[in-house]
Protein backbone atom coordinates (compact mmCIF):
# COMPACT_ATOMS: atom_id res chain seq x y z
CA MET A 1 0.03 -0.01 0.00
CA LYS A 2 1.03 3.61 -0.49
CA ARG A 3 2.63 5.21 2.60
CA SER A 4 0.35 7.85 4.04
CA MET A 5 3.11 9.98 5.61
CA TYR A 6 6.30 9.77 7.63
CA ALA A 7 5.89 8.05 10.99
CA GLY A 8 7.80 10.80 12.76
CA ARG A 9 5.29 13.44 11.53
CA VAL A 10 2.14 11.92 13.08
CA ARG A 11 0.57 14.29 15.56
CA ARG A 12 -2.56 14.68 17.71
CA ASP A 13 -4.35 16.29 14.71
CA HIS A 14 -4.27 12.90 13.04
CA VAL A 15 -6.28 11.08 15.76
CA GLY A 16 -9.01 8.95 14.21
CA ARG A 17 -7.27 8.74 10.78
CA GLN A 18 -6.29 5.46 9.21
CA LEU A 19 -2.63 5.61 8.12
CA THR A 20 -0.15 3.31 6.44
CA LEU A 21 3.45 3.80 7.75
CA LYS A 22 6.68 2.18 6.69
CA GLY A 23 10.07 2.03 8.35
CA TRP A 24 12.40 0.13 10.68
CA VAL A 25 11.73 -1.60 13.97
CA ALA A 26 13.66 0.43 16.57
CA ARG A 27 12.34 -1.60 19.51
CA ARG A 28 9.75 -4.26 20.38
CA ARG A 29 8.21 -4.67 23.83
CA ASP A 30 5.80 -7.48 24.82
CA LEU A 31 3.50 -6.44 27.69
CA GLY A 32 0.82 -8.86 28.86
CA GLY A 33 -0.32 -9.88 25.41
CA LEU A 34 -0.01 -6.37 23.94
CA ILE A 35 2.98 -5.77 21.66
CA PHE A 36 4.48 -2.29 21.41
CA ILE A 37 6.74 -1.39 18.48
CA ASP A 38 8.80 1.79 18.09
CA LEU A 39 8.74 2.38 14.31
CA ARG A 40 11.60 4.59 13.04
CA ASP A 41 11.89 6.46 9.80
CA ARG A 42 13.90 9.51 8.77
CA GLU A 43 11.47 11.89 10.62
CA GLY A 44 11.48 10.16 13.98
CA ILE A 45 9.82 7.44 16.15
CA MET A 46 6.16 6.40 16.29
CA GLN A 47 4.69 3.96 18.75
CA LEU A 48 2.64 1.12 17.34
CA VAL A 49 0.25 -1.02 19.36
CA ILE A 50 -0.69 -4.62 18.34
CA ASN A 51 -3.62 -5.92 20.37
CA PRO A 52 -4.26 -9.65 20.03
CA GLU A 53 -8.02 -9.00 20.45
CA ALA A 54 -8.09 -6.58 17.49
CA VAL A 55 -5.89 -8.36 14.87
CA SER A 56 -5.76 -11.75 13.17
CA ASN A 57 -3.66 -14.60 14.43
CA GLU A 58 -1.44 -14.14 11.42
CA VAL A 59 -0.77 -10.48 12.27
CA MET A 60 -0.06 -11.41 15.80
CA ALA A 61 2.37 -14.14 14.78
CA THR A 62 4.12 -11.68 12.51
CA ALA A 63 4.42 -9.17 15.31
CA GLU A 64 5.91 -11.73 17.63
CA SER A 65 8.56 -12.54 15.01
CA LEU A 66 9.77 -8.95 14.69
CA ARG A 67 13.36 -8.04 15.60
CA SER A 68 15.27 -4.82 15.69
CA GLU A 69 15.92 -3.27 12.25
CA TYR A 70 13.30 -5.36 10.46
CA VAL A 71 11.67 -3.28 7.70
CA ILE A 72 7.90 -3.26 8.06
CA GLU A 73 4.68 -1.84 6.65
CA VAL A 74 1.70 -1.23 8.98
CA THR A 75 -1.80 0.06 8.59
CA GLY A 76 -3.89 1.20 11.50
CA THR A 77 -5.80 3.95 13.27
CA VAL A 78 -4.23 6.84 15.13
CA GLN A 79 -5.37 7.12 18.73
CA ALA A 80 -4.36 9.34 21.67
CA ARG A 81 -1.89 7.78 24.09
CA GLU A 82 -3.00 7.26 27.67
CA GLN A 83 0.60 7.74 28.81
CA VAL A 84 2.05 10.70 26.98
CA ASN A 85 5.78 10.66 26.11
CA ASP A 86 7.00 14.27 26.12
CA LYS A 87 10.44 13.30 24.95
CA ILE A 88 9.41 12.65 21.37
CA PRO A 89 7.24 14.76 19.02
CA THR A 90 4.90 11.90 18.38
CA GLY A 91 4.52 11.23 22.09
CA GLN A 92 0.82 12.15 22.30
CA VAL A 93 -0.34 9.52 19.84
CA GLU A 94 0.08 5.92 18.83
CA LEU A 95 -1.07 3.75 15.86
CA HIS A 96 -3.29 0.82 16.69
CA VAL A 97 -2.26 -1.71 13.99
CA SER A 98 -4.71 -3.75 11.95
CA GLU A 99 -2.34 -4.93 9.18
CA LEU A 100 1.36 -5.79 9.36
CA THR A 101 3.75 -6.89 6.66
CA VAL A 102 7.45 -7.61 6.91
CA LEU A 103 9.24 -6.09 3.97
CA ASN A 104 12.65 -7.38 4.92
CA THR A 105 14.39 -9.04 7.88
CA ALA A 106 17.73 -7.99 9.43
CA LYS A 107 20.66 -9.64 11.20
CA THR A 108 21.69 -8.45 14.65
CA THR A 109 23.53 -5.20 14.10
CA PRO A 110 27.16 -4.76 15.21
CA PHE A 111 26.06 -1.84 17.40
CA GLU A 112 22.78 -0.47 18.68
CA ILE A 113 21.09 2.11 16.44
CA LYS A 114 20.97 4.89 19.05
CA ASP A 115 22.91 8.04 19.72
CA ASP A 116 24.69 6.89 22.84
CA ALA A 117 25.72 3.49 21.58
CA GLU A 118 29.31 2.40 22.21
CA MET A 119 31.26 1.82 18.99
CA THR A 120 34.70 2.40 17.58
CA ASP A 121 35.18 4.99 14.79
CA ASP A 122 36.31 2.35 12.31
CA ASN A 123 33.32 0.17 13.10
CA ARG A 124 31.02 3.20 12.50
CA LEU A 125 32.59 3.71 9.10
CA ARG A 126 32.65 -0.02 8.28
CA TYR A 127 28.84 -0.05 8.78
CA ARG A 128 28.19 3.56 7.81
CA TYR A 129 24.78 2.75 6.38
CA LEU A 130 23.78 1.67 9.96
CA ASP A 131 25.54 4.55 11.64
CA LEU A 132 23.54 6.98 9.44
CA ARG A 133 20.27 5.55 10.88
CA ARG A 134 21.13 7.10 14.22
CA PRO A 135 18.98 10.26 14.83
CA SER A 136 22.01 12.56 15.38
CA MET A 137 23.64 11.53 12.11
CA LEU A 138 20.43 11.90 10.21
CA GLY A 139 19.92 15.31 11.83
CA ASN A 140 23.38 16.46 10.82
CA LEU A 141 22.88 15.55 7.21
CA LYS A 142 19.42 17.16 7.18
CA LEU A 143 21.05 20.29 8.61
CA ARG A 144 23.65 20.15 5.81
CA ALA A 145 20.85 19.97 3.23
CA LYS A 146 19.13 23.03 4.80
CA VAL A 147 22.41 24.96 4.62
CA THR A 148 22.94 24.20 0.95
CA HIS A 149 19.35 24.98 0.19
CA SER A 150 19.68 28.34 1.95
CA VAL A 151 22.93 29.12 0.14
CA ARG A 152 21.45 28.39 -3.30
CA ASN A 153 18.41 30.51 -2.65
CA TYR A 154 20.46 33.47 -1.40
CA LEU A 155 22.87 33.42 -4.31
CA ASP A 156 20.19 32.79 -6.90
CA GLU A 157 18.41 35.88 -5.62
CA LEU A 158 21.55 37.90 -6.14
CA GLU A 159 21.80 36.60 -9.79
CA PHE A 160 24.79 34.41 -9.28
CA ILE A 161 25.03 31.65 -11.98
CA ASP A 162 25.63 28.07 -10.86
CA VAL A 163 28.29 26.60 -13.18
CA GLU A 164 29.97 23.22 -12.90
CA THR A 165 33.77 23.13 -13.46
CA PRO A 166 35.88 20.14 -14.43
CA MET A 167 36.80 17.30 -12.06
CA LEU A 168 39.71 16.20 -14.32
CA THR A 169 42.07 19.10 -14.52
CA LYS A 170 45.77 20.07 -14.64
CA SER A 171 48.25 19.47 -11.85
CA THR A 172 49.72 22.56 -10.32
CA PRO A 173 52.89 22.70 -8.20
CA GLU A 174 51.74 25.21 -5.59
CA GLY A 175 49.65 24.25 -2.47
CA ALA A 176 48.93 20.74 -1.17
CA ARG A 177 49.64 17.53 -2.99
CA ASP A 178 47.29 16.67 -5.85
CA TYR A 179 45.37 13.45 -6.35
CA LEU A 180 46.54 12.29 -9.76
CA VAL A 181 44.51 10.35 -12.32
CA PRO A 182 46.45 8.53 -15.04
CA SER A 183 45.23 8.90 -18.63
CA ARG A 184 44.76 5.78 -20.73
CA VAL A 185 44.61 7.62 -24.11
CA SER A 186 47.66 9.80 -23.34
CA GLN A 187 49.88 7.28 -21.58
CA GLY A 188 52.37 8.71 -19.18
CA HIS A 189 50.19 11.82 -18.70
CA PHE A 190 48.03 12.59 -15.69
CA TYR A 191 44.98 14.60 -14.78
CA ALA A 192 44.65 16.04 -11.22
CA LEU A 193 41.53 16.19 -9.17
CA PRO A 194 40.98 19.88 -8.36
CA GLN A 195 42.16 21.34 -5.03
CA SER A 196 39.78 24.14 -5.88
CA PRO A 197 38.19 25.47 -9.12
CA GLN A 198 40.31 28.56 -8.73
CA ILE A 199 41.58 29.11 -12.26
CA THR A 200 38.39 27.91 -14.02
CA LYS A 201 36.19 30.26 -12.01
CA GLN A 202 38.56 33.14 -12.86
CA LEU A 203 38.22 32.22 -16.49
CA LEU A 204 34.42 32.34 -16.13
CA MET A 205 34.88 35.99 -15.08
CA ASN A 206 36.90 36.57 -18.31
CA ALA A 207 34.01 34.95 -20.19
CA GLY A 208 31.64 37.59 -18.79
CA PHE A 209 29.61 35.48 -16.36
CA ASP A 210 30.12 38.26 -13.78
CA ARG A 211 28.73 36.29 -10.79
CA TYR A 212 29.51 32.60 -10.44
CA TYR A 213 28.91 30.05 -7.68
CA GLN A 214 29.18 26.38 -7.19
CA ILE A 215 28.83 23.92 -4.31
CA VAL A 216 31.78 21.84 -5.40
CA LYS A 217 33.84 18.82 -4.43
CA CYS A 218 37.61 19.48 -3.98
CA PHE A 219 40.51 17.11 -3.24
CA ARG A 220 43.78 17.47 -1.41
CA ASP A 221 46.19 14.69 -0.59
CA GLU A 222 47.29 15.91 2.79
CA ASP A 223 47.51 14.56 6.36
CA LEU A 224 44.19 14.37 8.02
CA ARG A 225 42.82 15.88 11.25
CA GLY A 226 39.38 16.55 12.72
CA ASP A 227 38.51 19.36 10.34
CA ARG A 228 40.03 17.86 7.14
CA GLN A 229 39.15 15.18 4.70
CA PRO A 230 40.85 14.11 1.40
CA GLU A 231 37.67 15.14 -0.41
CA PHE A 232 35.63 18.10 0.87
CA THR A 233 33.00 20.55 -0.32
CA GLN A 234 33.25 24.25 -0.86
CA ILE A 235 30.75 26.99 -1.37
CA ASP A 236 32.66 28.71 -4.14
CA LEU A 237 32.03 32.26 -5.30
CA GLU A 238 33.63 34.56 -7.90
CA THR A 239 32.54 38.03 -8.96
CA SER A 240 33.59 40.79 -11.40
CA PHE A 241 33.92 44.52 -10.83
CA LEU A 242 33.43 44.31 -7.01
CA ASP A 243 36.04 45.40 -4.47
CA ASP A 244 37.04 43.31 -1.38
CA GLN A 245 34.53 45.15 0.88
CA GLU A 246 31.64 44.39 -1.46
CA ILE A 247 32.53 40.70 -1.68
CA GLN A 248 32.74 40.56 2.15
CA ASP A 249 29.30 42.21 2.34
CA ILE A 250 27.79 39.61 0.08
CA THR A 251 29.43 36.86 2.14
CA GLU A 252 28.17 38.27 5.42
CA GLY A 253 24.63 38.40 3.95
CA LEU A 254 24.98 34.74 2.94
CA ILE A 255 26.04 33.65 6.36
CA ALA A 256 23.38 35.74 8.08
CA CYS A 257 20.75 34.07 5.80
CA VAL A 258 22.05 30.56 6.62
CA MET A 259 22.23 31.24 10.36
CA LYS A 260 18.66 32.62 10.42
CA GLU A 261 17.12 29.83 8.30
CA THR A 262 18.96 26.89 9.85
CA LYS A 263 19.52 27.94 13.47
CA GLY A 264 17.02 30.75 13.95
CA ILE A 265 19.87 33.10 14.95
CA ASP A 266 20.12 36.74 13.98
CA VAL A 267 23.80 37.58 13.59
CA THR A 268 25.06 41.14 13.99
CA LEU A 269 26.44 42.76 10.78
CA PRO A 270 28.95 43.80 9.82
CA PHE A 271 31.38 41.24 11.24
CA PRO A 272 34.38 42.62 13.14
CA ARG A 273 37.64 42.93 11.17
CA MET A 274 41.15 42.20 12.53
CA SER A 275 44.49 42.52 10.75
CA TYR A 276 46.57 39.46 10.30
CA ASP A 277 49.37 41.00 12.45
CA ASP A 278 46.95 41.77 15.28
CA ALA A 279 45.52 38.24 15.14
CA MET A 280 48.99 36.73 15.40
CA ASN A 281 50.33 39.07 18.00
CA ASN A 282 47.25 39.04 20.28
CA TYR A 283 45.91 35.50 19.70
CA GLY A 284 48.82 33.59 18.35
CA SER A 285 46.68 32.37 15.47
CA ASP A 286 45.49 33.58 12.06
CA LYS A 287 42.10 32.08 13.03
CA PRO A 288 41.54 33.47 16.48
CA ASP A 289 38.78 32.25 18.75
CA THR A 290 37.32 35.45 20.20
CA ARG A 291 34.80 33.77 22.54
CA PHE A 292 37.22 34.17 25.39
CA GLU A 293 40.07 36.60 26.36
CA MET A 294 43.52 35.45 27.58
CA LEU A 295 45.40 37.60 25.04
CA LEU A 296 49.09 37.24 24.36
CA GLN A 297 51.12 40.05 25.91
CA ASP A 298 54.57 41.23 24.78
CA LEU A 299 57.03 41.69 27.63
CA THR A 300 60.27 41.97 25.59
CA ASP A 301 60.80 45.61 26.53
CA LEU A 302 60.20 44.88 30.21
CA VAL A 303 62.71 42.09 30.50
CA LYS A 304 65.57 43.42 28.32
CA GLY A 305 67.72 44.66 31.22
CA ILE A 306 67.27 41.88 33.77
CA GLU A 307 70.00 39.42 34.67
CA PHE A 308 67.91 36.37 33.73
CA LYS A 309 69.49 35.69 30.33
CA VAL A 310 66.78 33.26 29.18
CA PHE A 311 64.52 36.28 29.02
CA SER A 312 66.88 39.25 28.44
CA GLN A 313 68.67 37.65 25.49
CA ALA A 314 65.59 36.12 23.79
CA PRO A 315 64.38 37.82 20.57
CA VAL A 316 60.88 38.00 22.09
CA VAL A 317 59.31 37.25 25.48
CA LYS A 318 55.50 36.91 25.50
CA ALA A 319 53.07 35.69 28.13
CA ILE A 320 49.45 34.76 28.78
CA VAL A 321 47.67 35.22 32.10
CA VAL A 322 45.38 32.36 33.12
CA LYS A 323 43.05 34.12 35.50
CA ASN A 324 42.15 32.35 38.84
CA ALA A 325 43.84 29.14 37.72
CA ALA A 326 47.01 28.89 39.87
CA ASP A 327 45.44 26.37 42.24
CA LYS A 328 44.14 24.30 39.31
CA TYR A 329 47.57 23.51 37.91
CA SER A 330 50.19 21.57 39.83
CA ARG A 331 53.80 21.44 38.83
CA LYS A 332 53.10 18.08 37.20
CA ASP A 333 50.24 19.66 35.24
CA ILE A 334 52.48 22.46 34.05
CA ASP A 335 55.11 19.91 32.99
CA LYS A 336 52.45 18.47 30.69
CA LEU A 337 51.84 21.95 29.30
CA THR A 338 55.58 22.26 28.69
CA GLU A 339 55.49 19.17 26.56
CA VAL A 340 52.68 20.72 24.55
CA ALA A 341 54.78 23.89 24.18
CA LYS A 342 57.65 21.88 22.73
CA GLN A 343 55.35 20.54 19.98
CA TYR A 344 55.13 24.09 18.76
CA GLY A 345 58.94 24.51 18.68
CA ALA A 346 59.42 26.19 22.09
CA LYS A 347 62.46 25.17 24.10
CA GLY A 348 60.51 25.30 27.26
CA LEU A 349 57.83 27.08 29.31
CA ALA A 350 58.47 29.40 32.17
CA TRP A 351 55.79 30.14 34.76
CA VAL A 352 54.91 31.96 37.94
CA LYS A 353 51.85 31.99 40.18
CA VAL A 354 50.48 34.90 42.28
CA ALA A 355 49.95 34.21 45.95
CA ALA A 356 49.44 36.84 48.72
CA GLY A 357 50.48 39.54 46.28
CA GLU A 358 53.82 37.87 45.53
CA LEU A 359 55.20 35.93 42.54
CA THR A 360 56.00 32.37 43.25
CA GLY A 361 57.47 29.49 41.15
CA PRO A 362 60.74 28.45 39.54
CA VAL A 363 61.50 31.74 37.77
CA ALA A 364 60.01 34.17 40.39
CA LYS A 365 63.42 34.86 41.93
CA PHE A 366 64.78 36.05 38.62
CA LEU A 367 61.93 38.56 38.20
CA THR A 368 62.29 40.32 41.58
CA GLU A 369 63.55 43.56 40.08
CA ILE A 370 60.62 43.85 37.70
CA ALA A 371 57.94 42.17 39.79
CA THR A 372 55.96 45.38 40.45
CA LYS A 373 56.08 46.50 36.83
CA LEU A 374 55.19 42.97 35.68
CA THR A 375 52.20 42.82 38.07
CA ASP A 376 51.02 46.19 36.81
CA ARG A 377 51.52 45.39 33.17
CA LEU A 378 49.65 42.11 33.39
CA GLN A 379 47.14 43.33 36.00
CA LEU A 380 47.89 40.28 38.16
CA VAL A 381 45.87 39.32 41.26
CA ASP A 382 46.08 36.40 43.58
CA ASN A 383 45.69 32.89 42.12
CA ASP A 384 46.70 33.99 38.60
CA LEU A 385 48.96 31.76 36.63
CA VAL A 386 51.37 33.28 34.11
CA LEU A 387 52.98 31.28 31.34
CA PHE A 388 56.03 32.74 29.48
CA VAL A 389 57.68 31.75 26.21
CA ALA A 390 61.02 33.25 25.27
CA ASP A 391 61.89 32.52 21.63
CA THR A 392 61.43 33.97 18.16
CA LEU A 393 58.16 35.86 17.53
CA GLU A 394 56.80 33.06 15.38
CA VAL A 395 57.49 30.35 17.98
CA ALA A 396 56.23 32.50 20.89
CA ASN A 397 52.97 33.32 19.06
CA ALA A 398 52.38 29.74 17.90
CA THR A 399 53.14 28.24 21.31
CA LEU A 400 51.08 30.59 23.40
CA GLY A 401 48.29 30.56 20.83
CA GLY A 402 48.10 26.73 21.11
CA LEU A 403 48.25 26.81 24.90
CA ARG A 404 45.53 29.52 25.00
CA THR A 405 43.16 27.30 23.13
CA ARG A 406 43.98 24.20 25.21
CA LEU A 407 43.65 26.02 28.52
CA ALA A 408 40.32 27.62 27.53
CA LYS A 409 38.90 24.16 26.87
CA ASP A 410 40.40 22.65 29.99
CA LEU A 411 38.96 25.43 32.17
CA ASP A 412 35.61 25.52 30.45
CA MET A 413 36.06 29.18 29.34
CA VAL A 414 34.45 28.76 26.01
CA ASP A 415 30.84 29.77 25.44
CA ASN A 416 29.79 26.90 23.13
CA SER A 417 26.45 28.56 22.34
CA ALA A 418 28.16 31.59 20.77
CA PHE A 419 28.95 32.07 17.07
CA ASN A 420 31.72 34.64 16.78
CA PHE A 421 32.38 35.54 13.17
CA LEU A 422 35.46 37.59 12.26
CA TRP A 423 37.30 38.80 9.17
CA VAL A 424 41.10 38.52 9.18
CA VAL A 425 42.45 40.94 6.64
CA ASP A 426 45.76 42.56 5.52
CA TRP A 427 47.45 39.22 4.88
CA PRO A 428 51.16 38.76 3.87
CA MET A 429 51.30 37.65 0.28
CA PHE A 430 54.05 35.08 0.94
CA GLU A 431 55.11 32.73 3.73
CA TRP A 432 58.49 31.04 4.15
CA SER A 433 58.54 27.31 3.73
CA GLU A 434 61.36 25.55 5.65
CA GLU A 435 60.63 22.38 3.74
CA GLU A 436 60.90 24.08 0.33
CA GLY A 437 63.54 26.56 1.35
CA ARG A 438 61.68 29.42 -0.36
CA TYR A 439 58.75 31.75 -0.16
CA MET A 440 55.40 30.31 -1.15
CA SER A 441 51.95 31.86 -1.67
CA ALA A 442 50.08 32.34 1.56
CA HIS A 443 46.88 31.83 -0.29
CA HIS A 444 47.55 31.12 -4.04
CA PRO A 445 49.68 32.77 -6.78
CA PHE A 446 46.73 34.56 -8.39
CA THR A 447 46.08 36.84 -5.33
CA LEU A 448 46.34 40.58 -6.01
CA PRO A 449 49.07 42.34 -4.05
CA THR A 450 48.32 45.80 -2.58
CA GLU A 451 49.39 48.73 -4.71
CA GLU A 452 51.60 49.97 -1.89
CA THR A 453 53.67 46.75 -1.63
CA ALA A 454 53.58 45.32 -5.21
CA ALA A 455 57.06 46.85 -5.91
CA GLU A 456 58.51 44.41 -3.41
CA LEU A 457 57.82 41.50 -5.78
CA GLU A 458 61.37 42.21 -7.00
CA GLY A 459 62.63 42.95 -3.51
CA ASP A 460 61.79 41.79 -0.02
CA LEU A 461 58.91 39.32 -0.44
CA SER A 462 58.16 39.40 3.29
CA LYS A 463 56.91 42.98 2.83
CA VAL A 464 54.35 42.21 0.12
CA ARG A 465 50.77 42.36 1.35
CA ALA A 466 47.78 40.80 -0.30
CA VAL A 467 44.19 42.06 -0.85
CA ALA A 468 43.07 38.91 0.91
CA TYR A 469 40.53 38.08 3.60
CA ASP A 470 39.68 35.00 5.68
CA ILE A 471 36.48 34.53 7.49
CA VAL A 472 36.83 32.95 10.91
CA LEU A 473 34.22 31.29 13.14
CA ASN A 474 35.01 30.21 16.72
CA GLY A 475 38.64 29.54 16.05
CA TYR A 476 38.14 27.77 12.74
CA GLU A 477 39.00 29.14 9.30
CA LEU A 478 35.58 29.06 7.71
CA GLY A 479 36.75 30.25 4.30
CA GLY A 480 39.01 32.63 2.52
CA GLY A 481 39.18 34.82 -0.55
CA SER A 482 40.92 37.69 -2.32
CA LEU A 483 40.92 39.95 -5.18
CA ARG A 484 42.72 38.41 -8.13
CA ILE A 485 45.38 39.52 -10.50
CA ASN A 486 43.84 40.43 -13.89
CA GLN A 487 46.88 42.01 -15.60
CA LYS A 488 49.36 39.77 -17.42
CA ASP A 489 52.54 41.60 -16.50
CA LEU A 490 51.66 41.56 -12.82
CA GLN A 491 50.81 37.83 -12.99
CA GLU A 492 54.11 37.11 -14.68
CA ARG A 493 55.94 39.14 -11.92
CA MET A 494 54.10 37.12 -9.28
CA LEU A 495 55.09 33.79 -10.82
CA LYS A 496 58.67 34.93 -11.22
CA ALA A 497 58.76 35.90 -7.49
CA LEU A 498 57.68 32.42 -6.69
CA GLY A 499 60.55 30.94 -8.62
CA PHE A 500 58.92 30.10 -11.94
CA SER A 501 61.07 30.61 -14.98
CA GLN A 502 59.39 32.04 -18.09
CA GLU A 503 59.27 28.58 -19.59
CA SER A 504 57.85 26.86 -16.46
CA ALA A 505 55.25 29.67 -16.02
CA LYS A 506 54.09 29.17 -19.63
CA GLU A 507 54.04 25.36 -19.23
CA GLN A 508 51.93 25.51 -15.98
CA PHE A 509 49.79 28.61 -16.58
CA GLY A 510 50.16 29.56 -20.19
CA PHE A 511 46.39 29.30 -20.90
CA LEU A 512 45.70 31.74 -18.02
CA LEU A 513 48.40 34.18 -19.14
CA GLU A 514 47.05 34.02 -22.67
CA ALA A 515 43.49 34.75 -21.40
CA MET A 516 44.83 37.91 -19.81
CA ASP A 517 45.50 39.23 -23.31
CA TYR A 518 41.73 39.34 -24.02
CA GLY A 519 40.15 41.87 -21.68
CA PHE A 520 40.26 40.13 -18.27
CA PRO A 521 38.08 42.13 -15.89
CA PRO A 522 38.91 43.05 -12.30
CA HIS A 523 37.58 40.21 -10.16
CA GLY A 524 37.67 38.50 -6.84
CA GLY A 525 35.97 35.81 -4.82
CA LEU A 526 35.86 33.56 -1.89
CA ALA A 527 35.31 29.91 -0.85
CA ILE A 528 33.61 28.66 2.35
CA GLY A 529 34.24 25.15 3.66
CA LEU A 530 30.71 23.70 3.72
CA ASP A 531 31.71 20.60 5.81
CA ARG A 532 33.48 22.72 8.42
CA PHE A 533 30.58 25.26 8.56
CA VAL A 534 27.98 22.54 9.08
CA MET A 535 30.22 20.82 11.62
CA ILE A 536 30.24 24.00 13.77
CA LEU A 537 26.54 24.56 13.35
CA ALA A 538 25.84 20.98 14.40
CA GLY A 539 28.10 21.35 17.49
CA GLU A 540 30.38 18.57 16.34
CA ASP A 541 34.18 18.50 16.54
CA ASN A 542 34.91 16.35 13.45
CA ILE A 543 33.75 16.94 9.91
CA ARG A 544 33.16 13.20 9.50
CA GLU A 545 29.99 13.74 11.54
CA VAL A 546 28.47 15.85 8.78
CA ILE A 547 29.66 13.85 5.71
CA ALA A 548 27.59 10.85 4.57
CA PHE A 549 30.53 8.61 3.66
CA PRO A 550 33.90 10.03 4.89
CA LYS A 551 37.30 8.53 5.13
CA ASN A 552 39.09 7.62 8.34
CA ASN A 553 42.30 9.19 9.65
CA LYS A 554 44.28 7.02 7.20
CA ALA A 555 42.37 8.41 4.27
CA SER A 556 40.75 5.02 3.67
CA ASP A 557 37.10 3.77 3.72
CA PRO A 558 36.60 0.73 6.03
CA MET A 559 33.28 0.07 4.29
CA THR A 560 34.39 -0.24 0.68
CA GLN A 561 38.04 -0.89 1.49
CA ALA A 562 39.14 1.97 -0.76
CA PRO A 563 41.78 2.64 -1.77
CA SER A 564 42.30 -0.87 -3.13
CA LEU A 565 44.56 -2.80 -5.46
CA VAL A 566 43.46 -2.96 -9.09
CA ALA A 567 43.86 -5.71 -11.68
CA ASP A 568 47.16 -6.08 -13.56
CA LYS A 569 45.16 -5.58 -16.82
CA GLN A 570 44.07 -2.14 -15.72
CA LEU A 571 47.63 -1.15 -14.89
CA GLU A 572 48.77 -2.44 -18.29
CA GLU A 573 46.17 -0.32 -20.08
CA LEU A 574 47.52 2.72 -18.26
CA ALA A 575 51.18 1.74 -18.84
CA LEU A 576 51.73 1.76 -15.07
CA GLN A 577 53.77 -0.42 -12.73
CA VAL A 578 53.36 -0.57 -8.95
CA GLN A 579 56.58 -0.65 -7.01
CA ASP A 580 56.93 -2.90 -3.96
CA HIS A 581 57.37 -0.66 -0.87
CA ASP A 582 57.77 -3.52 1.62
């Protein structure tokens, strides 16, 4: 029979109606002859009642045979429940069954289909189709669908054009490692799966599309963590003839629309703006979490003349004050924090506590001559804990920034109900790569440098600034964008600064440089990480929780066993050989 409606949508208004429902058996209970079934579908749980006095022996026998996760079809009449269950939306009603059919049976599942079930991550991914039956997972993916629906409606209203760009494209040497796809018809040649549709969306601006968007899959072969996957989804935008402020305004409107339609939250516009330098110096991060204070403070000038050489001879000395926490951290606890500090490159971690108006701890005796000035500068009171790092500016910022985030979580300082959006602007164009031994693009090599610093493309690259902007939410980089280069000579200068010869630039980007000969308009854009955005909205801490079929932390799929070996014949067709790495 045709299903009347979703089981999870039955309400008191439906009392007296005959309905046909279909779904999975979440639970069966036998109570004195009556059988109660919790029927689950994508909209929720509905209680079924099978009364032996009201159904045939065949229906009763079928009901007694039911087990968890059997797929069933039932027809019956909606009645008001005597014992209301306020914990579920259908808790005021139940369906008194007259007909029951088993559509399919099920083996005992490897874990219970409920939100608090105990299971390993790999077991969840091995049986992902079962994991997705859990209400929280279903809710996360429904939230994701609402977000994309809201995004499309907003951008369609602003006359953006949804355009698909290629999945098989050209490998580029900048950025993360590409996923390569061998070509059978051009043996020895490879496509790359796109890390982003950056160049193609710029070419759409040259084609006159003016406003482009796409919710697009992208791929990066990089080490995984909680907010990264080898394949991920971007909300990708590009516009012509708009400046950076106008692009940010459109983005803020988009986010405000999503927040209102999916969470019922009115966000305050415009979002705050912070320079990259201020973010690094005050928060130790280019994606600062502004839901709590504990700012980094520079003490270099204060310690320059003291006898304690660890401080006085260091390039930079910075500190964070952990308010009212001295009694919460023993020496052993601080030793653990020191090990964390070393992970960021720090040689160690100095500390003092404040007790009875005095500084105490291993380095307190070395700070006697500046104790009053230090107390005033840091506004110290009893039971404060001060953590110092003496090192280069980069190491001090990174170390204290990492500790700041860890301590805030440990001490429950973070307001998890808040959504703090922030623009980080005025970015450096280049960043030094120790691994490569050269400067690389902080964003990508098509970013427009500021007029004031473009001359340094042939000079000191550390001084070049970009017309770039990242949007940050609660300590996560939500997305980033920039104005782009649209003049051929400037693009060639940029590639030369990155170490490209004229020949290598033409080989890698010749088609883009050629396009710049044909009236390339001023343009810019932005990309927002959809997975990460939904993860934050859902209150999760791993993007796997908002992706239907993700990979594990080894970039593999326990369910399908991908990546896997392929037949020798397939390798022969591609003229490939696999080396033995054992």
